[in-house]
Structures are given as C-alpha cells and as structure tokens.
Amino acid sequence: MERSIPGITTRMLSKELKDMEMNKLVKRTVYPETPVLIEYEPTEYCRTFGKIISEMINWGREHRKVIVEA
C-alpha cells in the first residue's frame, strides 16, 4: 500500500490507517504468520460513502471543463 501512495511515509500511513480504523472506515485483520501479515479492508459503512465520492469526481470533471473553456 505504501508504495502505491507517492511521498507518504510509513509513519504517516500508519497514523492514517489507525484513524480510519477508529472512525469505522476500515477493518484491520492481523494474521499471525512470519512475517506478520496485516490486511485492511473497507467496512460496509465506508462503502456508503462511494456515491458521494463518485458525485464529487463528476463535479470535478465538469468544473475542469468550465475552467478550461474560460
């Protein structure tokens, strides 16, 4: 996950994931393997936010057209 987010530090990613877990946005599962495997997945509650994000993306695309045409 860390490699897929340019410029993020391990410390910042860890903090953000802990905050997201505390806010019921992700579920953390620890597998007792060697090395330890930790898996994060979005919660059902988090998935309800998808429609809002989709609308924000659509708005952003339309806004970009307005800016480019101006």
N, C-alpha and C. Protein backbone atom coordinates (compact mmCIF):
# COMPACT_ATOMS: atom_id res chain seq x y z
N MET A 1 0.84 -1.19 0.00
CA MET A 1 0.00 0.00 0.00
C MET A 1 0.88 1.25 0.00
N GLU A 2 1.91 1.22 0.80
CA GLU A 2 2.78 2.39 0.94
C GLU A 2 3.40 2.77 -0.40
N ARG A 3 3.80 1.78 -1.18
CA ARG A 3 4.43 2.05 -2.48
C ARG A 3 3.46 2.67 -3.48
N SER A 4 2.16 2.45 -3.28
CA SER A 4 1.18 2.98 -4.23
C SER A 4 0.79 4.42 -3.94
N ILE A 5 1.28 4.99 -2.84
CA ILE A 5 0.96 6.37 -2.48
C ILE A 5 2.25 7.18 -2.48
N PRO A 6 2.52 7.89 -3.57
CA PRO A 6 3.79 8.63 -3.67
C PRO A 6 3.98 9.64 -2.54
N GLY A 7 5.16 9.63 -1.95
CA GLY A 7 5.52 10.63 -0.95
C GLY A 7 5.05 10.36 0.47
N ILE A 8 4.28 9.30 0.70
CA ILE A 8 3.80 9.05 2.07
C ILE A 8 4.87 8.29 2.84
N THR A 9 5.01 8.64 4.10
CA THR A 9 5.97 7.94 4.95
C THR A 9 5.25 6.79 5.66
N THR A 10 6.02 5.84 6.14
CA THR A 10 5.46 4.71 6.88
C THR A 10 4.70 5.20 8.10
N ARG A 11 5.26 6.17 8.78
CA ARG A 11 4.64 6.73 9.98
C ARG A 11 3.28 7.38 9.65
N MET A 12 3.25 8.17 8.58
CA MET A 12 2.00 8.85 8.21
C MET A 12 0.95 7.84 7.77
N LEU A 13 1.34 6.83 7.00
CA LEU A 13 0.39 5.81 6.57
C LEU A 13 -0.17 5.07 7.78
N SER A 14 0.67 4.71 8.71
CA SER A 14 0.23 4.02 9.92
C SER A 14 -0.76 4.88 10.70
N LYS A 15 -0.49 6.16 10.85
CA LYS A 15 -1.38 7.07 11.56
C LYS A 15 -2.73 7.17 10.86
N GLU A 16 -2.70 7.33 9.55
CA GLU A 16 -3.95 7.45 8.79
C GLU A 16 -4.79 6.18 8.89
N LEU A 17 -4.16 5.02 8.79
CA LEU A 17 -4.89 3.77 8.89
C LEU A 17 -5.49 3.59 10.29
N LYS A 18 -4.76 3.98 11.32
CA LYS A 18 -5.30 3.90 12.69
C LYS A 18 -6.50 4.82 12.84
N ASP A 19 -6.40 6.03 12.28
CA ASP A 19 -7.52 6.97 12.34
C ASP A 19 -8.74 6.42 11.58
N MET A 20 -8.49 5.84 10.42
CA MET A 20 -9.58 5.27 9.63
C MET A 20 -10.24 4.10 10.36
N GLU A 21 -9.43 3.29 11.04
CA GLU A 21 -9.98 2.18 11.81
C GLU A 21 -10.81 2.72 12.98
N MET A 22 -10.32 3.72 13.65
CA MET A 22 -11.03 4.31 14.78
C MET A 22 -12.38 4.91 14.33
N ASN A 23 -12.42 5.42 13.10
CA ASN A 23 -13.64 6.02 12.56
C ASN A 23 -14.51 5.04 11.80
N LYS A 24 -14.22 3.75 11.98
CA LYS A 24 -15.03 2.66 11.40
C LYS A 24 -15.04 2.67 9.87
N LEU A 25 -13.96 3.14 9.26
CA LEU A 25 -13.86 3.18 7.80
C LEU A 25 -13.12 1.97 7.24
N VAL A 26 -12.21 1.40 8.02
CA VAL A 26 -11.51 0.19 7.60
C VAL A 26 -11.51 -0.83 8.73
N LYS A 27 -11.42 -2.09 8.32
CA LYS A 27 -11.30 -3.19 9.28
C LYS A 27 -9.88 -3.72 9.15
N ARG A 28 -9.22 -3.88 10.28
CA ARG A 28 -7.84 -4.37 10.32
C ARG A 28 -7.84 -5.81 10.80
N THR A 29 -7.18 -6.68 10.02
CA THR A 29 -7.05 -8.08 10.39
C THR A 29 -5.57 -8.42 10.43
N VAL A 30 -5.14 -9.02 11.55
CA VAL A 30 -3.74 -9.42 11.71
C VAL A 30 -3.67 -10.93 11.63
N TYR A 31 -2.80 -11.43 10.73
CA TYR A 31 -2.57 -12.86 10.58
C TYR A 31 -1.24 -13.20 11.23
N PRO A 32 -1.25 -14.11 12.20
CA PRO A 32 -0.02 -14.45 12.93
C PRO A 32 0.92 -15.35 12.12
N GLU A 33 1.49 -14.79 11.10
CA GLU A 33 2.45 -15.51 10.26
C GLU A 33 3.82 -14.88 10.45
N THR A 34 4.80 -15.44 9.80
CA THR A 34 6.13 -14.84 9.83
C THR A 34 6.51 -14.53 8.40
N PRO A 35 6.68 -13.27 8.04
CA PRO A 35 6.42 -12.08 8.86
C PRO A 35 4.91 -11.86 9.05
N VAL A 36 4.57 -11.07 10.04
CA VAL A 36 3.17 -10.78 10.36
C VAL A 36 2.51 -10.13 9.14
N LEU A 37 1.33 -10.60 8.80
CA LEU A 37 0.57 -10.04 7.68
C LEU A 37 -0.60 -9.25 8.25
N ILE A 38 -0.73 -8.01 7.82
CA ILE A 38 -1.84 -7.16 8.26
C ILE A 38 -2.63 -6.77 7.02
N GLU A 39 -3.94 -6.99 7.11
CA GLU A 39 -4.82 -6.70 5.98
C GLU A 39 -5.83 -5.64 6.39
N TYR A 40 -6.05 -4.69 5.50
CA TYR A 40 -7.05 -3.65 5.73
C TYR A 40 -8.10 -3.76 4.63
N GLU A 41 -9.36 -3.61 5.02
CA GLU A 41 -10.42 -3.61 4.03
C GLU A 41 -11.48 -2.59 4.42
N PRO A 42 -12.14 -1.99 3.44
CA PRO A 42 -13.18 -1.01 3.77
C PRO A 42 -14.36 -1.68 4.45
N THR A 43 -14.95 -0.99 5.39
CA THR A 43 -16.14 -1.50 6.08
C THR A 43 -17.38 -1.21 5.22
N GLU A 44 -18.47 -1.85 5.56
CA GLU A 44 -19.73 -1.56 4.86
C GLU A 44 -20.10 -0.09 5.04
N TYR A 45 -19.85 0.43 6.22
CA TYR A 45 -20.11 1.85 6.49
C TYR A 45 -19.31 2.73 5.54
N CYS A 46 -18.07 2.39 5.33
CA CYS A 46 -17.21 3.15 4.43
C CYS A 46 -17.75 3.10 3.00
N ARG A 47 -18.25 1.97 2.61
CA ARG A 47 -18.77 1.80 1.24
C ARG A 47 -19.96 2.71 0.96
N THR A 48 -20.68 3.14 1.99
CA THR A 48 -21.82 4.04 1.78
C THR A 48 -21.35 5.40 1.29
N PHE A 49 -20.09 5.70 1.46
CA PHE A 49 -19.52 6.97 1.05
C PHE A 49 -19.21 7.01 -0.46
N GLY A 50 -19.24 5.85 -1.10
CA GLY A 50 -18.89 5.74 -2.51
C GLY A 50 -19.70 6.63 -3.43
N LYS A 51 -21.00 6.73 -3.20
CA LYS A 51 -21.86 7.57 -4.05
C LYS A 51 -21.46 9.04 -3.96
N ILE A 52 -21.10 9.46 -2.76
CA ILE A 52 -20.70 10.85 -2.57
C ILE A 52 -19.39 11.13 -3.31
N ILE A 53 -18.44 10.22 -3.19
CA ILE A 53 -17.15 10.38 -3.87
C ILE A 53 -17.37 10.42 -5.38
N SER A 54 -18.21 9.54 -5.89
CA SER A 54 -18.50 9.49 -7.32
C SER A 54 -19.07 10.83 -7.80
N GLU A 55 -19.98 11.39 -7.04
CA GLU A 55 -20.55 12.69 -7.41
C GLU A 55 -19.51 13.80 -7.36
N MET A 56 -18.59 13.73 -6.39
CA MET A 56 -17.52 14.73 -6.31
C MET A 56 -16.60 14.64 -7.53
N ILE A 57 -16.32 13.41 -7.97
CA ILE A 57 -15.49 13.22 -9.16
C ILE A 57 -16.20 13.80 -10.39
N ASN A 58 -17.49 13.51 -10.52
CA ASN A 58 -18.25 14.05 -11.65
C ASN A 58 -18.26 15.58 -11.63
N TRP A 59 -18.49 16.15 -10.44
CA TRP A 59 -18.48 17.60 -10.32
C TRP A 59 -17.11 18.16 -10.72
N GLY A 60 -16.04 17.52 -10.26
CA GLY A 60 -14.69 17.97 -10.58
C GLY A 60 -14.42 17.95 -12.08
N ARG A 61 -14.89 16.94 -12.76
CA ARG A 61 -14.71 16.86 -14.22
C ARG A 61 -15.45 18.00 -14.92
N GLU A 62 -16.68 18.24 -14.50
CA GLU A 62 -17.45 19.34 -15.09
C GLU A 62 -16.80 20.69 -14.78
N HIS A 63 -16.32 20.85 -13.57
CA HIS A 63 -15.66 22.09 -13.17
C HIS A 63 -14.41 22.31 -14.01
N ARG A 64 -13.69 21.26 -14.26
CA ARG A 64 -12.48 21.37 -15.10
C ARG A 64 -12.81 21.87 -16.49
N LYS A 65 -13.91 21.38 -17.06
CA LYS A 65 -14.36 21.85 -18.38
C LYS A 65 -14.64 23.34 -18.36
N VAL A 66 -15.31 23.79 -17.29
CA VAL A 66 -15.62 25.23 -17.16
C VAL A 66 -14.34 26.05 -17.12
N ILE A 67 -13.37 25.59 -16.36
CA ILE A 67 -12.09 26.32 -16.21
C ILE A 67 -11.33 26.33 -17.53
N VAL A 68 -11.27 25.21 -18.21
CA VAL A 68 -10.52 25.11 -19.47
C VAL A 68 -11.15 25.98 -20.55
N GLU A 69 -12.50 26.03 -20.58
CA GLU A 69 -13.19 26.81 -21.59
C GLU A 69 -13.11 28.30 -21.35
N ALA A 70 -12.84 28.70 -20.12
CA ALA A 70 -12.83 30.14 -19.78
C ALA A 70 -11.64 30.87 -20.29
